[in-house]
Amino acid sequence: MKKGLMVFGLGMMSAGVLAAVTVEKIELKPGDETAKKAYFAQKIRFWGTNEYKASPEHYNTLLTLTNAKIQFAFRLEGKMVDGKPRKVAVGMFRPSIYNWYSGGFIEVIANKQNLTDGEFELAEFKGGAESGYALLRYTGPEVSGTLRLELADNDDKLQVKFTPSPAKSLRGYQLVLTSYPGAYGEKEKRKREIQTNTGTAENGKKELTKSDCWAVFYDSYYDRKENRGDGCCAFLFNPKEIVSGTLRAGYGCIAYLNYPPHQEANLILWDFKKWSAEDAIAYMKKLSVQFE
């Protein structure tokens, strides 16, 4: 369970052989036939069905966290500068290529600088009987820190923790979550909506209150209830940790959460692949949540 956030109720690859949660990675490099073979052994594709566009100028790694219930798969994509990965975005490709953004679902911004613009290291990844995790380390001019992605055994939600190491002059940072619920969709048909535990977004915007703690991002046209789209997504946060927050619905649905400079950010994310918005909202309303 996350500190500060508890929810009740509802070959090339490295992994613990007997682990209930496996954590695996494939770093895709040009000329590496082992990596290429391992990549094509997966169902996930970055560049097209039969293409393998690894290049020395780019950093691409497939990272997966898998248990008996679900698989979360991420593309770590950036540039190679002086032999080191930089500008590495974290895109979510599974459970759905839609819902949480496959081009970068999470960002950290401080003094108009994106954390992912700095240096990057996949510092640790480990499976286990009770959980598996990956630790991503970023080093930037305004804020550095670690992003921990964790999946528990027999669970279907992703635990996310960002631990900052801010510059002395930093007054705070913003964590941004981006989604395209259901589908990218046609402009004339998309009907992006946001539901929180206190109400809905009006005119595509909602300022978070002190009572808000979760939000469902969905599309009322690309909805599984209408046999359209690929579901929806949701997140839970600790309102005691943030200074303020804003949710916006437009082409995508985006959360902007503002934190004090030294505050850890603890989140739980759901990808409700193949769920209707009605079912997802009902599920979230039944959660029993305790904040520490």
C-alpha atoms as a PDB file:
ATOM      1  CA  MET A   1       0.000   0.000   0.000  1.00  0.00           C
ATOM      2  CA  LYS A   2       1.088   3.549  -0.602  1.00  0.00           C
ATOM      3  CA  LYS A   3       2.316   5.752   2.180  1.00  0.00           C
ATOM      4  CA  GLY A   4      -0.348   8.395   2.698  1.00  0.00           C
ATOM      5  CA  LEU A   5      -2.907   6.655   0.492  1.00  0.00           C
ATOM      6  CA  MET A   6      -4.813   3.453   1.260  1.00  0.00           C
ATOM      7  CA  VAL A   7      -7.674   1.913  -0.723  1.00  0.00           C
ATOM      8  CA  PHE A   8      -9.896  -0.900   0.486  1.00  0.00           C
ATOM      9  CA  GLY A   9     -12.481  -3.018  -1.317  1.00  0.00           C
ATOM     10  CA  LEU A  10     -12.778  -3.190  -4.492  1.00  0.00           C
ATOM     11  CA  GLY A  11      16.156 -13.843 -22.085  1.00  0.00           C
ATOM     12  CA  MET A  12      16.691 -10.223 -22.639  1.00  0.00           C
ATOM     13  CA  MET A  13      13.956  -9.858 -20.165  1.00  0.00           C
ATOM     14  CA  SER A  14      14.637  -9.835 -16.450  1.00  0.00           C
ATOM     15  CA  ALA A  15      12.093 -11.164 -13.968  1.00  0.00           C
ATOM     16  CA  GLY A  16      11.741 -13.251 -10.834  1.00  0.00           C
ATOM     17  CA  VAL A  17      10.883 -16.754 -12.053  1.00  0.00           C
ATOM     18  CA  LEU A  18       8.421 -17.494  -9.258  1.00  0.00           C
ATOM     19  CA  ALA A  19       7.220 -13.915  -8.863  1.00  0.00           C
ATOM     20  CA  ALA A  20       3.500 -13.272  -8.664  1.00  0.00           C
ATOM     21  CA  VAL A  21       4.245  -9.917 -10.316  1.00  0.00           C
ATOM     22  CA  THR A  22       6.810  -9.890 -13.097  1.00  0.00           C
ATOM     23  CA  VAL A  23       8.625  -6.742 -14.168  1.00  0.00           C
ATOM     24  CA  GLU A  24      10.385  -6.931 -17.510  1.00  0.00           C
ATOM     25  CA  LYS A  25      12.213  -4.560 -19.833  1.00  0.00           C
ATOM     26  CA  ILE A  26      13.529  -4.616 -23.365  1.00  0.00           C
ATOM     27  CA  GLU A  27      15.858  -1.785 -24.355  1.00  0.00           C
ATOM     28  CA  LEU A  28      15.571  -1.492 -28.115  1.00  0.00           C
ATOM     29  CA  LYS A  29      18.930  -0.824 -29.759  1.00  0.00           C
ATOM     30  CA  PRO A  30      19.949  -0.875 -33.434  1.00  0.00           C
ATOM     31  CA  GLY A  31      21.776  -4.041 -34.398  1.00  0.00           C
ATOM     32  CA  ASP A  32      20.723  -5.875 -31.235  1.00  0.00           C
ATOM     33  CA  GLU A  33      19.065  -8.979 -32.651  1.00  0.00           C
ATOM     34  CA  THR A  34      18.237 -10.366 -29.203  1.00  0.00           C
ATOM     35  CA  ALA A  35      16.295  -7.213 -28.332  1.00  0.00           C
ATOM     36  CA  LYS A  36      14.625  -7.205 -31.737  1.00  0.00           C
ATOM     37  CA  LYS A  37      13.511 -10.811 -31.351  1.00  0.00           C
ATOM     38  CA  ALA A  38      12.223 -10.161 -27.824  1.00  0.00           C
ATOM     39  CA  TYR A  39      10.324  -7.090 -29.052  1.00  0.00           C
ATOM     40  CA  PHE A  40       8.564  -9.008 -31.824  1.00  0.00           C
ATOM     41  CA  ALA A  41       7.675 -11.756 -29.338  1.00  0.00           C
ATOM     42  CA  GLN A  42       5.433  -9.208 -27.590  1.00  0.00           C
ATOM     43  CA  LYS A  43       1.966  -8.123 -28.706  1.00  0.00           C
ATOM     44  CA  ILE A  44       2.883  -4.459 -28.231  1.00  0.00           C
ATOM     45  CA  ARG A  45       4.063  -2.439 -31.235  1.00  0.00           C
ATOM     46  CA  PHE A  46       5.552   1.063 -31.299  1.00  0.00           C
ATOM     47  CA  TRP A  47       6.295   1.539 -34.998  1.00  0.00           C
ATOM     48  CA  GLY A  48       3.881  -0.711 -36.872  1.00  0.00           C
ATOM     49  CA  THR A  49       3.280  -4.428 -37.202  1.00  0.00           C
ATOM     50  CA  ASN A  50       6.548  -5.468 -38.861  1.00  0.00           C
ATOM     51  CA  GLU A  51       8.773  -2.431 -38.308  1.00  0.00           C
ATOM     52  CA  TYR A  52      11.729  -2.035 -35.963  1.00  0.00           C
ATOM     53  CA  LYS A  53      12.994   1.546 -36.076  1.00  0.00           C
ATOM     54  CA  ALA A  54      15.561   1.525 -33.282  1.00  0.00           C
ATOM     55  CA  SER A  55      18.280   4.118 -33.920  1.00  0.00           C
ATOM     56  CA  PRO A  56      21.425   5.308 -32.078  1.00  0.00           C
ATOM     57  CA  GLU A  57      19.932   8.815 -31.689  1.00  0.00           C
ATOM     58  CA  HIS A  58      16.855   7.618 -29.828  1.00  0.00           C
ATOM     59  CA  TYR A  59      16.165   5.810 -26.567  1.00  0.00           C
ATOM     60  CA  ASN A  60      13.315   3.292 -26.586  1.00  0.00           C
ATOM     61  CA  THR A  61      12.549   0.797 -23.842  1.00  0.00           C
ATOM     62  CA  LEU A  62       9.506  -1.421 -23.361  1.00  0.00           C
ATOM     63  CA  LEU A  63       8.716  -1.835 -19.650  1.00  0.00           C
ATOM     64  CA  THR A  64       5.980  -4.166 -18.390  1.00  0.00           C
ATOM     65  CA  LEU A  65       4.449  -4.920 -14.976  1.00  0.00           C
ATOM     66  CA  THR A  66       2.303  -8.046 -15.097  1.00  0.00           C
ATOM     67  CA  ASN A  67       0.265 -10.152 -12.691  1.00  0.00           C
ATOM     68  CA  ALA A  68      -2.463 -12.753 -13.179  1.00  0.00           C
ATOM     69  CA  LYS A  69      -5.122 -10.041 -13.594  1.00  0.00           C
ATOM     70  CA  ILE A  70      -3.569  -7.325 -15.712  1.00  0.00           C
ATOM     71  CA  GLN A  71      -0.550  -6.010 -17.576  1.00  0.00           C
ATOM     72  CA  PHE A  72       0.661  -2.419 -17.525  1.00  0.00           C
ATOM     73  CA  ALA A  73       3.048  -1.706 -20.392  1.00  0.00           C
ATOM     74  CA  PHE A  74       5.040   1.487 -20.874  1.00  0.00           C
ATOM     75  CA  ARG A  75       7.124   2.941 -23.644  1.00  0.00           C
ATOM     76  CA  LEU A  76      10.075   4.932 -22.324  1.00  0.00           C
ATOM     77  CA  GLU A  77      10.966   7.153 -25.274  1.00  0.00           C
ATOM     78  CA  GLY A  78      13.601   9.864 -25.561  1.00  0.00           C
ATOM     79  CA  LYS A  79      16.882  10.947 -27.105  1.00  0.00           C
ATOM     80  CA  MET A  80      20.462   9.802 -26.605  1.00  0.00           C
ATOM     81  CA  VAL A  81      22.794  12.727 -25.804  1.00  0.00           C
ATOM     82  CA  ASP A  82      26.476  12.005 -25.161  1.00  0.00           C
ATOM     83  CA  GLY A  83      25.596   8.366 -24.562  1.00  0.00           C
ATOM     84  CA  LYS A  84      22.902   9.128 -21.984  1.00  0.00           C
ATOM     85  CA  PRO A  85      19.110   9.077 -22.356  1.00  0.00           C
ATOM     86  CA  ARG A  86      17.383  12.458 -22.044  1.00  0.00           C
ATOM     87  CA  LYS A  87      13.901  13.876 -22.625  1.00  0.00           C
ATOM     88  CA  VAL A  88      12.404  10.462 -21.791  1.00  0.00           C
ATOM     89  CA  ALA A  89       8.608  10.420 -21.774  1.00  0.00           C
ATOM     90  CA  VAL A  90       6.585   7.644 -20.126  1.00  0.00           C
ATOM     91  CA  GLY A  91       3.735   6.457 -22.325  1.00  0.00           C
ATOM     92  CA  MET A  92       1.213   3.788 -21.303  1.00  0.00           C
ATOM     93  CA  PHE A  93       0.436   1.182 -23.990  1.00  0.00           C
ATOM     94  CA  ARG A  94      -1.416  -1.402 -21.895  1.00  0.00           C
ATOM     95  CA  PRO A  95      -4.026  -2.192 -20.692  1.00  0.00           C
ATOM     96  CA  SER A  96      -5.221   0.153 -23.483  1.00  0.00           C
ATOM     97  CA  ILE A  97      -3.356   2.182 -26.079  1.00  0.00           C
ATOM     98  CA  TYR A  98      -6.048   4.805 -25.431  1.00  0.00           C
ATOM     99  CA  ASN A  99      -7.187   6.044 -22.006  1.00  0.00           C
ATOM    100  CA  TRP A 100      -3.876   6.998 -20.326  1.00  0.00           C
ATOM    101  CA  TYR A 101      -1.757   8.661 -23.031  1.00  0.00           C
ATOM    102  CA  SER A 102       0.638   6.375 -24.885  1.00  0.00           C
ATOM    103  CA  GLY A 103       2.858   9.351 -25.740  1.00  0.00           C
ATOM    104  CA  GLY A 104       3.361  10.451 -22.123  1.00  0.00           C
ATOM    105  CA  PHE A 105       0.715  10.053 -19.446  1.00  0.00           C
ATOM    106  CA  ILE A 106       2.635  11.716 -16.598  1.00  0.00           C
ATOM    107  CA  GLU A 107       4.790  14.846 -16.451  1.00  0.00           C
ATOM    108  CA  VAL A 108       6.360  16.922 -13.702  1.00  0.00           C
ATOM    109  CA  ILE A 109       6.843  20.646 -14.344  1.00  0.00           C
ATOM    110  CA  ALA A 110       8.727  23.204 -12.239  1.00  0.00           C
ATOM    111  CA  ASN A 111       9.481  26.827 -13.193  1.00  0.00           C
ATOM    112  CA  LYS A 112       8.265  26.043 -16.726  1.00  0.00           C
ATOM    113  CA  GLN A 113      10.834  23.253 -17.019  1.00  0.00           C
ATOM    114  CA  ASN A 114       9.673  19.694 -17.654  1.00  0.00           C
ATOM    115  CA  LEU A 115      11.375  17.115 -15.470  1.00  0.00           C
ATOM    116  CA  THR A 116      11.595  14.756 -18.432  1.00  0.00           C
ATOM    117  CA  ASP A 117      13.821  17.273 -20.283  1.00  0.00           C
ATOM    118  CA  GLY A 118      16.686  16.231 -18.024  1.00  0.00           C
ATOM    119  CA  GLU A 119      18.794  13.079 -17.761  1.00  0.00           C
ATOM    120  CA  PHE A 120      17.083   9.734 -17.236  1.00  0.00           C
ATOM    121  CA  GLU A 121      17.944   6.385 -15.685  1.00  0.00           C
ATOM    122  CA  LEU A 122      15.871   3.248 -15.239  1.00  0.00           C
ATOM    123  CA  ALA A 123      17.398   2.803 -11.809  1.00  0.00           C
ATOM    124  CA  GLU A 124      15.662  -0.382 -10.608  1.00  0.00           C
ATOM    125  CA  PHE A 125      13.063  -2.892 -11.694  1.00  0.00           C
ATOM    126  CA  LYS A 126      12.074  -5.956  -9.723  1.00  0.00           C
ATOM    127  CA  GLY A 127       9.285  -8.512  -9.567  1.00  0.00           C
ATOM    128  CA  GLY A 128       8.119 -10.226  -6.408  1.00  0.00           C
ATOM    129  CA  ALA A 129       5.535 -12.427  -4.731  1.00  0.00           C
ATOM    130  CA  GLU A 130       3.601  -9.480  -3.290  1.00  0.00           C
ATOM    131  CA  SER A 131       4.365  -6.730  -5.802  1.00  0.00           C
ATOM    132  CA  GLY A 132       6.637  -5.573  -8.594  1.00  0.00           C
ATOM    133  CA  TYR A 133       7.990  -2.119  -9.313  1.00  0.00           C
ATOM    134  CA  ALA A 134      10.165   0.025 -11.532  1.00  0.00           C
ATOM    135  CA  LEU A 135      12.071   3.090 -10.334  1.00  0.00           C
ATOM    136  CA  LEU A 136      12.712   5.835 -12.883  1.00  0.00           C
ATOM    137  CA  ARG A 137      15.237   8.511 -11.928  1.00  0.00           C
ATOM    138  CA  TYR A 138      15.253  11.971 -13.521  1.00  0.00           C
ATOM    139  CA  THR A 139      17.814  14.758 -13.093  1.00  0.00           C
ATOM    140  CA  GLY A 140      16.816  18.264 -14.166  1.00  0.00           C
ATOM    141  CA  PRO A 141      17.840  21.900 -13.589  1.00  0.00           C
ATOM    142  CA  GLU A 142      14.820  22.880 -11.467  1.00  0.00           C
ATOM    143  CA  VAL A 143      13.685  19.608  -9.958  1.00  0.00           C
ATOM    144  CA  SER A 144      15.064  16.076  -9.891  1.00  0.00           C
ATOM    145  CA  GLY A 145      13.372  13.023  -8.496  1.00  0.00           C
ATOM    146  CA  THR A 146      12.262   9.441  -8.777  1.00  0.00           C
ATOM    147  CA  LEU A 147       9.084   8.059 -10.268  1.00  0.00           C
ATOM    148  CA  ARG A 148       8.027   4.692  -8.875  1.00  0.00           C
ATOM    149  CA  LEU A 149       5.523   2.537 -10.776  1.00  0.00           C
ATOM    150  CA  GLU A 150       4.219  -0.414  -8.767  1.00  0.00           C
ATOM    151  CA  LEU A 151       1.706  -3.225  -9.258  1.00  0.00           C
ATOM    152  CA  ALA A 152       0.561  -5.453  -6.398  1.00  0.00           C
ATOM    153  CA  ASP A 153      -0.215  -9.142  -6.757  1.00  0.00           C
ATOM    154  CA  ASN A 154      -3.823  -9.929  -7.697  1.00  0.00           C
ATOM    155  CA  ASP A 155      -4.549  -6.217  -8.198  1.00  0.00           C
ATOM    156  CA  ASP A 156      -5.659  -4.179 -11.209  1.00  0.00           C
ATOM    157  CA  LYS A 157      -4.468  -0.675 -10.364  1.00  0.00           C
ATOM    158  CA  LEU A 158      -1.149   1.079 -10.822  1.00  0.00           C
ATOM    159  CA  GLN A 159       0.476   2.685  -7.793  1.00  0.00           C
ATOM    160  CA  VAL A 160       2.496   5.791  -8.646  1.00  0.00           C
ATOM    161  CA  LYS A 161       4.827   7.748  -6.384  1.00  0.00           C
ATOM    162  CA  PHE A 162       6.925  10.765  -7.314  1.00  0.00           C
ATOM    163  CA  THR A 163       9.617  11.757  -4.807  1.00  0.00           C
ATOM    164  CA  PRO A 164      11.102  15.189  -5.582  1.00  0.00           C
ATOM    165  CA  SER A 165      14.596  16.536  -4.975  1.00  0.00           C
ATOM    166  CA  PRO A 166      13.931  20.220  -5.666  1.00  0.00           C
ATOM    167  CA  ALA A 167      16.328  23.108  -6.111  1.00  0.00           C
ATOM    168  CA  LYS A 168      16.551  25.379  -3.048  1.00  0.00           C
ATOM    169  CA  SER A 169      14.704  28.217  -4.774  1.00  0.00           C
ATOM    170  CA  LEU A 170      11.800  26.067  -5.967  1.00  0.00           C
ATOM    171  CA  ARG A 171       8.403  27.038  -4.567  1.00  0.00           C
ATOM    172  CA  GLY A 172       6.531  23.998  -5.822  1.00  0.00           C
ATOM    173  CA  TYR A 173       5.958  21.686  -8.748  1.00  0.00           C
ATOM    174  CA  GLN A 174       3.065  20.570 -10.906  1.00  0.00           C
ATOM    175  CA  LEU A 175       2.234  16.970 -11.753  1.00  0.00           C
ATOM    176  CA  VAL A 176       0.254  16.529 -14.982  1.00  0.00           C
ATOM    177  CA  LEU A 177      -1.766  13.443 -15.965  1.00  0.00           C
ATOM    178  CA  THR A 178      -2.944  13.176 -19.589  1.00  0.00           C
ATOM    179  CA  SER A 179      -5.571  10.851 -21.039  1.00  0.00           C
ATOM    180  CA  TYR A 180      -7.619  10.308 -24.192  1.00  0.00           C
ATOM    181  CA  PRO A 181     -10.487   8.239 -22.790  1.00  0.00           C
ATOM    182  CA  GLY A 182     -12.087   5.692 -25.086  1.00  0.00           C
ATOM    183  CA  ALA A 183     -10.403   6.834 -28.296  1.00  0.00           C
ATOM    184  CA  TYR A 184      -8.604   9.785 -29.836  1.00  0.00           C
ATOM    185  CA  GLY A 185     -11.832  10.077 -31.786  1.00  0.00           C
ATOM    186  CA  GLU A 186     -13.323  12.466 -34.308  1.00  0.00           C
ATOM    187  CA  LYS A 187     -13.598  16.105 -33.252  1.00  0.00           C
ATOM    188  CA  GLU A 188     -17.294  16.324 -34.137  1.00  0.00           C
ATOM    189  CA  LYS A 189     -18.135  13.217 -32.112  1.00  0.00           C
ATOM    190  CA  ARG A 190     -15.944  13.453 -29.006  1.00  0.00           C
ATOM    191  CA  LYS A 191     -17.757  14.297 -25.775  1.00  0.00           C
ATOM    192  CA  ARG A 192     -15.117  14.376 -23.069  1.00  0.00           C
ATOM    193  CA  GLU A 193     -16.449  14.350 -19.519  1.00  0.00           C
ATOM    194  CA  ILE A 194     -15.012  14.401 -15.997  1.00  0.00           C
ATOM    195  CA  GLN A 195     -16.651  13.065 -12.843  1.00  0.00           C
ATOM    196  CA  THR A 196     -15.143  13.442  -9.372  1.00  0.00           C
ATOM    197  CA  ASN A 197     -16.404  12.337  -5.986  1.00  0.00           C
ATOM    198  CA  THR A 198     -17.888  15.834  -5.515  1.00  0.00           C
ATOM    199  CA  GLY A 199     -19.377  16.512  -8.946  1.00  0.00           C
ATOM    200  CA  THR A 200     -18.767  17.026 -12.659  1.00  0.00           C
ATOM    201  CA  ALA A 201     -16.687  19.415 -14.727  1.00  0.00           C
ATOM    202  CA  GLU A 202     -18.694  22.379 -16.009  1.00  0.00           C
ATOM    203  CA  ASN A 203     -17.778  23.712 -19.461  1.00  0.00           C
ATOM    204  CA  GLY A 204     -14.817  21.358 -19.535  1.00  0.00           C
ATOM    205  CA  LYS A 205     -13.167  22.579 -16.321  1.00  0.00           C
ATOM    206  CA  LYS A 206     -13.208  21.782 -12.607  1.00  0.00           C
ATOM    207  CA  GLU A 207     -11.169  23.347  -9.836  1.00  0.00           C
ATOM    208  CA  LEU A 208     -10.484  20.702  -7.222  1.00  0.00           C
ATOM    209  CA  THR A 209     -11.914  21.252  -3.758  1.00  0.00           C
ATOM    210  CA  LYS A 210     -10.484  20.042  -0.462  1.00  0.00           C
ATOM    211  CA  SER A 211     -13.031  17.211  -0.566  1.00  0.00           C
ATOM    212  CA  ASP A 212     -12.055  15.916  -4.013  1.00  0.00           C
ATOM    213  CA  CYS A 213      -9.897  12.794  -4.059  1.00  0.00           C
ATOM    214  CA  TRP A 214     -10.681  10.946  -7.299  1.00  0.00           C
ATOM    215  CA  ALA A 215     -11.695  11.605 -10.885  1.00  0.00           C
ATOM    216  CA  VAL A 216     -12.970   9.517 -13.790  1.00  0.00           C
ATOM    217  CA  PHE A 217     -12.036  10.665 -17.301  1.00  0.00           C
ATOM    218  CA  TYR A 218     -14.481   9.405 -19.935  1.00  0.00           C
ATOM    219  CA  ASP A 219     -16.181  10.143 -23.240  1.00  0.00           C
ATOM    220  CA  SER A 220     -19.963   9.919 -23.421  1.00  0.00           C
ATOM    221  CA  TYR A 221     -19.864   9.176 -27.171  1.00  0.00           C
ATOM    222  CA  TYR A 222     -16.884   6.781 -27.218  1.00  0.00           C
ATOM    223  CA  ASP A 223     -18.437   4.796 -24.377  1.00  0.00           C
ATOM    224  CA  ARG A 224     -18.625   1.014 -24.022  1.00  0.00           C
ATOM    225  CA  LYS A 225     -22.286   1.390 -23.065  1.00  0.00           C
ATOM    226  CA  GLU A 226     -22.782   2.517 -26.670  1.00  0.00           C
ATOM    227  CA  ASN A 227     -20.422  -0.220 -27.952  1.00  0.00           C
ATOM    228  CA  ARG A 228     -17.855   2.415 -28.895  1.00  0.00           C
ATOM    229  CA  GLY A 229     -14.362   3.207 -27.669  1.00  0.00           C
ATOM    230  CA  ASP A 230     -12.026   1.259 -25.401  1.00  0.00           C
ATOM    231  CA  GLY A 231     -13.291   2.246 -21.970  1.00  0.00           C
ATOM    232  CA  CYS A 232     -12.207   5.057 -19.653  1.00  0.00           C
ATOM    233  CA  CYS A 233      -9.710   5.762 -16.870  1.00  0.00           C
ATOM    234  CA  ALA A 234      -9.492   7.166 -13.359  1.00  0.00           C
ATOM    235  CA  PHE A 235      -7.071   8.285 -10.691  1.00  0.00           C
ATOM    236  CA  LEU A 236      -7.046   8.716  -6.932  1.00  0.00           C
ATOM    237  CA  PHE A 237      -4.891  11.257  -5.093  1.00  0.00           C
ATOM    238  CA  ASN A 238      -4.392  12.463  -1.543  1.00  0.00           C
ATOM    239  CA  PRO A 239      -5.980  15.938  -1.215  1.00  0.00           C
ATOM    240  CA  LYS A 240      -3.828  16.591   1.863  1.00  0.00           C
ATOM    241  CA  GLU A 241      -0.729  16.524  -0.343  1.00  0.00           C
ATOM    242  CA  ILE A 242      -1.693  19.133  -2.940  1.00  0.00           C
ATOM    243  CA  VAL A 243      -1.931  22.919  -2.756  1.00  0.00           C
ATOM    244  CA  SER A 244      -4.478  23.129  -5.575  1.00  0.00           C
ATOM    245  CA  GLY A 245      -5.553  21.344  -8.728  1.00  0.00           C
ATOM    246  CA  THR A 246      -7.479  21.759 -11.970  1.00  0.00           C
ATOM    247  CA  LEU A 247      -9.126  19.225 -14.275  1.00  0.00           C
ATOM    248  CA  ARG A 248      -9.767  20.058 -17.939  1.00  0.00           C
ATOM    249  CA  ALA A 249     -11.661  18.255 -20.692  1.00  0.00           C
ATOM    250  CA  GLY A 250     -10.915  19.139 -24.328  1.00  0.00           C
ATOM    251  CA  TYR A 251      -9.240  16.992 -26.952  1.00  0.00           C
ATOM    252  CA  GLY A 252      -8.019  14.993 -23.982  1.00  0.00           C
ATOM    253  CA  CYS A 253      -8.778  14.968 -20.269  1.00  0.00           C
ATOM    254  CA  ILE A 254      -5.941  16.393 -18.190  1.00  0.00           C
ATOM    255  CA  ALA A 255      -5.264  16.795 -14.468  1.00  0.00           C
ATOM    256  CA  TYR A 256      -2.973  19.535 -13.141  1.00  0.00           C
ATOM    257  CA  LEU A 257      -1.994  18.857  -9.522  1.00  0.00           C
ATOM    258  CA  ASN A 258       0.121  21.442  -7.674  1.00  0.00           C
ATOM    259  CA  TYR A 259       2.421  20.292  -4.858  1.00  0.00           C
ATOM    260  CA  PRO A 260       4.750  21.974  -2.328  1.00  0.00           C
ATOM    261  CA  PRO A 261       8.434  21.576  -3.293  1.00  0.00           C
ATOM    262  CA  HIS A 262       9.306  18.712  -0.916  1.00  0.00           C
ATOM    263  CA  GLN A 263       5.967  16.863  -0.958  1.00  0.00           C
ATOM    264  CA  GLU A 264       5.813  13.321  -2.316  1.00  0.00           C
ATOM    265  CA  ALA A 265       2.993  12.714  -4.774  1.00  0.00           C
ATOM    266  CA  ASN A 266       1.070   9.481  -4.147  1.00  0.00           C
ATOM    267  CA  LEU A 267      -1.422   8.385  -6.792  1.00  0.00           C
ATOM    268  CA  ILE A 268      -3.371   5.323  -7.863  1.00  0.00           C
ATOM    269  CA  LEU A 269      -4.378   4.931 -11.514  1.00  0.00           C
ATOM    270  CA  TRP A 270      -6.981   2.705 -13.151  1.00  0.00           C
ATOM    271  CA  ASP A 271      -7.287   1.868 -16.827  1.00  0.00           C
ATOM    272  CA  PHE A 272     -10.899   0.752 -17.167  1.00  0.00           C
ATOM    273  CA  LYS A 273     -10.409  -0.961 -20.506  1.00  0.00           C
ATOM    274  CA  LYS A 274     -13.757  -2.154 -21.927  1.00  0.00           C
ATOM    275  CA  TRP A 275     -15.669  -0.594 -19.002  1.00  0.00           C
ATOM    276  CA  SER A 276     -18.557   1.788 -19.494  1.00  0.00           C
ATOM    277  CA  ALA A 277     -18.315   5.172 -17.806  1.00  0.00           C
ATOM    278  CA  GLU A 278     -21.365   4.299 -15.732  1.00  0.00           C
ATOM    279  CA  ASP A 279     -19.719   1.166 -14.353  1.00  0.00           C
ATOM    280  CA  ALA A 280     -16.400   2.922 -13.708  1.00  0.00           C
ATOM    281  CA  ILE A 281     -18.049   5.775 -11.804  1.00  0.00           C
ATOM    282  CA  ALA A 282     -20.118   3.317  -9.764  1.00  0.00           C
ATOM    283  CA  TYR A 283     -16.926   1.399  -8.902  1.00  0.00           C
ATOM    284  CA  MET A 284     -15.122   4.548  -7.758  1.00  0.00           C
ATOM    285  CA  LYS A 285     -18.073   5.646  -5.630  1.00  0.00           C
ATOM    286  CA  LYS A 286     -17.939   2.345  -3.731  1.00  0.00           C
ATOM    287  CA  LEU A 287     -14.273   2.721  -2.759  1.00  0.00           C
ATOM    288  CA  SER A 288     -13.406   3.157   0.890  1.00  0.00           C
ATOM    289  CA  VAL A 289     -10.407   5.480   1.058  1.00  0.00           C
ATOM    290  CA  GLN A 290      -8.210   6.409   4.012  1.00  0.00           C
ATOM    291  CA  PHE A 291      -5.629   9.207   3.894  1.00  0.00           C
ATOM    292  CA  GLU A 292      -2.678   9.370   6.256  1.00  0.00           C
END
